[in-house]
Amino acid sequence: MSEIVAGKKAPDFELPTDGGGLFRLSEHAEKAIVLYFYPKDDTPGCTAEAIAFTGLADQFVAANALIVGISPDSPKSHDRFKAKYELSVVLASDAEKEISNLYGVWVKKSRYGREYMGVERTTFLIGRDGAIARVWQKVKVKGHAEEVLQAVVELG
């Protein structure tokens, strides 16, 4: 697998989403796409991140950008998560971790001395040309959605 870095074309993919939908990256070429990978629905950091993106959703729409959260959780889990917190972002299910692997975010993690595989919180900004415009790795949630919005605005 080649590393997904700024300047490279974003690999196309298709994933099931909340609400019984289907998201295919190549079908949204007219918009900037914010792909944010997160570990798990309804956990503190992931909830804060989804709420932050939802809170700025109107500004992302005004900047002609679409926000898509991706985790290994099922579409049903995404439906519950969205309903519980009144989230407006699209949530895609990567249950097989194929896209997480493709984008290099399914990694070995360590917690309390125990190693395990999981999603490293990462955000990719994809420009209207289909290329990766920016990558945020090991994201810290506080202020992240605002920083991504600023990058979308600067992208034009």
Protein backbone atom coordinates (compact mmCIF):
# COMPACT_ATOMS: atom_id res chain seq x y z
CA MET A 1 0.00 0.00 0.00
CA SER A 2 1.29 3.44 -0.86
CA GLU A 3 1.03 6.05 1.85
CA ILE A 4 -1.89 8.47 1.61
CA VAL A 5 -0.27 11.90 1.75
CA ALA A 6 -1.10 15.44 0.63
CA GLY A 7 -0.87 15.82 -3.14
CA LYS A 8 -1.77 12.19 -3.95
CA LYS A 9 -5.10 11.20 -5.46
CA ALA A 10 -7.51 9.94 -2.82
CA PRO A 11 -8.38 6.27 -3.35
CA ASP A 12 -12.02 5.82 -4.32
CA PHE A 13 -14.24 3.62 -2.17
CA GLU A 14 -17.83 2.76 -1.41
CA LEU A 15 -19.23 2.12 2.07
CA PRO A 16 -22.70 1.66 3.59
CA THR A 17 -23.87 4.59 5.72
CA ASP A 18 -26.36 5.42 8.39
CA GLY A 19 -29.97 5.50 7.24
CA GLY A 20 -29.41 2.66 4.75
CA GLY A 21 -27.38 4.86 2.42
CA LEU A 22 -24.26 4.27 0.38
CA PHE A 23 -21.31 6.66 0.10
CA ARG A 24 -19.02 6.52 -2.93
CA LEU A 25 -16.20 9.06 -2.85
CA SER A 26 -16.08 9.54 -6.64
CA GLU A 27 -19.74 10.64 -6.69
CA HIS A 28 -18.90 13.83 -4.78
CA ALA A 29 -16.15 15.34 -6.92
CA GLU A 30 -17.87 18.74 -6.98
CA LYS A 31 -17.32 19.13 -3.24
CA ALA A 32 -14.39 19.20 -0.87
CA ILE A 33 -14.63 16.07 1.27
CA VAL A 34 -13.68 15.86 4.93
CA LEU A 35 -13.08 12.19 5.74
CA TYR A 36 -12.61 11.71 9.43
CA PHE A 37 -11.76 8.26 10.73
CA TYR A 38 -12.70 7.61 14.34
CA PRO A 39 -12.49 4.54 16.60
CA LYS A 40 -16.01 3.96 17.97
CA ASP A 41 -19.53 5.36 18.14
CA ASP A 42 -20.74 6.82 21.43
CA THR A 43 -17.36 7.02 23.17
CA PRO A 44 -16.23 10.33 24.73
CA GLY A 45 -13.68 11.53 22.14
CA CYS A 46 -15.62 10.26 19.14
CA THR A 47 -18.85 11.82 20.41
CA ALA A 48 -17.15 15.18 21.02
CA GLU A 49 -15.65 15.10 17.52
CA ALA A 50 -18.98 14.25 15.83
CA ILE A 51 -20.79 16.95 17.82
CA ALA A 52 -18.11 19.51 16.89
CA PHE A 53 -18.41 18.71 13.17
CA THR A 54 -22.22 18.78 13.43
CA GLY A 55 -22.06 22.18 15.15
CA LEU A 56 -20.15 23.59 12.18
CA ALA A 57 -22.10 21.68 9.52
CA ASP A 58 -23.80 24.78 8.07
CA GLN A 59 -20.43 26.46 7.60
CA PHE A 60 -19.00 23.36 5.89
CA VAL A 61 -22.05 23.28 3.57
CA ALA A 62 -21.56 27.00 2.82
CA ALA A 63 -17.94 26.19 1.89
CA ASN A 64 -19.21 23.43 -0.46
CA ALA A 65 -17.77 20.63 1.69
CA LEU A 66 -19.18 17.31 2.80
CA ILE A 67 -18.23 15.71 6.14
CA VAL A 68 -18.07 11.92 6.35
CA GLY A 69 -17.16 10.06 9.54
CA ILE A 70 -15.85 6.50 9.12
CA SER A 71 -15.56 3.84 11.82
CA PRO A 72 -15.77 0.05 12.00
CA ASP A 73 -19.22 0.31 13.65
CA SER A 74 -22.29 -0.99 11.82
CA PRO A 75 -24.83 1.24 10.05
CA LYS A 76 -27.32 0.36 12.83
CA SER A 77 -24.83 1.57 15.45
CA HIS A 78 -24.37 4.77 13.40
CA ASP A 79 -28.17 5.26 13.31
CA ARG A 80 -28.37 5.02 17.13
CA PHE A 81 -25.34 7.32 17.54
CA LYS A 82 -26.80 9.96 15.19
CA ALA A 83 -30.22 9.84 16.85
CA LYS A 84 -28.83 10.05 20.40
CA TYR A 85 -26.75 13.17 19.69
CA GLU A 86 -28.76 14.68 16.79
CA LEU A 87 -25.73 14.43 14.49
CA SER A 88 -25.97 15.74 10.93
CA VAL A 89 -22.75 14.29 9.49
CA VAL A 90 -22.76 11.23 7.24
CA LEU A 91 -21.43 8.17 9.10
CA ALA A 92 -20.02 5.34 7.00
CA SER A 93 -19.45 1.79 8.19
CA ASP A 94 -16.08 0.15 7.53
CA ALA A 95 -16.84 -3.11 9.34
CA GLU A 96 -14.25 -5.05 7.33
CA LYS A 97 -11.64 -2.29 7.92
CA GLU A 98 -10.75 -2.33 4.21
CA ILE A 99 -10.92 1.45 3.83
CA SER A 100 -9.21 2.03 7.18
CA ASN A 101 -6.39 -0.21 5.94
CA LEU A 102 -6.37 1.50 2.53
CA TYR A 103 -6.01 4.92 4.17
CA GLY A 104 -3.44 3.63 6.68
CA VAL A 105 -5.44 4.36 9.83
CA TRP A 106 -5.98 0.75 11.03
CA VAL A 107 -2.89 0.48 13.19
CA LYS A 108 -1.37 -1.25 16.19
CA LYS A 109 -2.24 0.74 19.29
CA SER A 110 -1.20 0.40 22.91
CA ARG A 111 -3.23 1.13 26.02
CA TYR A 112 -2.33 0.24 29.59
CA GLY A 113 0.50 -1.93 28.24
CA ARG A 114 -1.83 -3.97 26.04
CA GLU A 115 -1.39 -3.92 22.25
CA TYR A 116 -4.37 -4.15 19.93
CA MET A 117 -5.46 -3.10 16.44
CA GLY A 118 -7.66 -0.04 16.11
CA VAL A 119 -8.44 3.14 14.22
CA GLU A 120 -6.00 6.00 14.70
CA ARG A 121 -8.10 9.18 14.75
CA THR A 122 -7.16 10.77 11.42
CA THR A 123 -8.78 13.34 9.11
CA PHE A 124 -8.23 13.72 5.38
CA LEU A 125 -9.28 16.80 3.43
CA ILE A 126 -9.86 15.92 -0.21
CA GLY A 127 -10.03 18.76 -2.71
CA ARG A 128 -12.43 19.04 -5.63
CA ASP A 129 -9.61 17.75 -7.85
CA GLY A 130 -9.75 14.42 -5.97
CA ALA A 131 -6.32 14.90 -4.41
CA ILE A 132 -5.54 14.86 -0.70
CA ALA A 133 -5.18 18.51 0.29
CA ARG A 134 -4.30 17.93 3.94
CA VAL A 135 -3.92 15.13 6.50
CA TRP A 136 -4.29 15.39 10.28
CA GLN A 137 -2.90 12.36 12.12
CA LYS A 138 -3.38 11.40 15.77
CA VAL A 139 -6.08 14.05 16.01
CA LYS A 140 -6.75 15.81 19.29
CA VAL A 141 -10.49 16.57 19.28
CA LYS A 142 -10.51 20.00 20.95
CA GLY A 143 -10.45 22.67 18.23
CA HIS A 144 -10.05 20.11 15.42
CA ALA A 145 -13.35 20.74 13.60
CA GLU A 146 -12.60 24.49 13.56
CA GLU A 147 -9.11 23.85 12.17
CA VAL A 148 -10.51 21.61 9.43
CA LEU A 149 -13.16 24.22 8.56
CA GLN A 150 -10.43 26.86 8.23
CA ALA A 151 -8.50 24.55 5.86
CA VAL A 152 -11.66 23.98 3.77
CA VAL A 153 -12.23 27.75 3.52
CA GLU A 154 -8.59 28.29 2.50
CA LEU A 155 -8.96 25.56 -0.13
CA GLY A 156 -11.59 27.77 -1.79
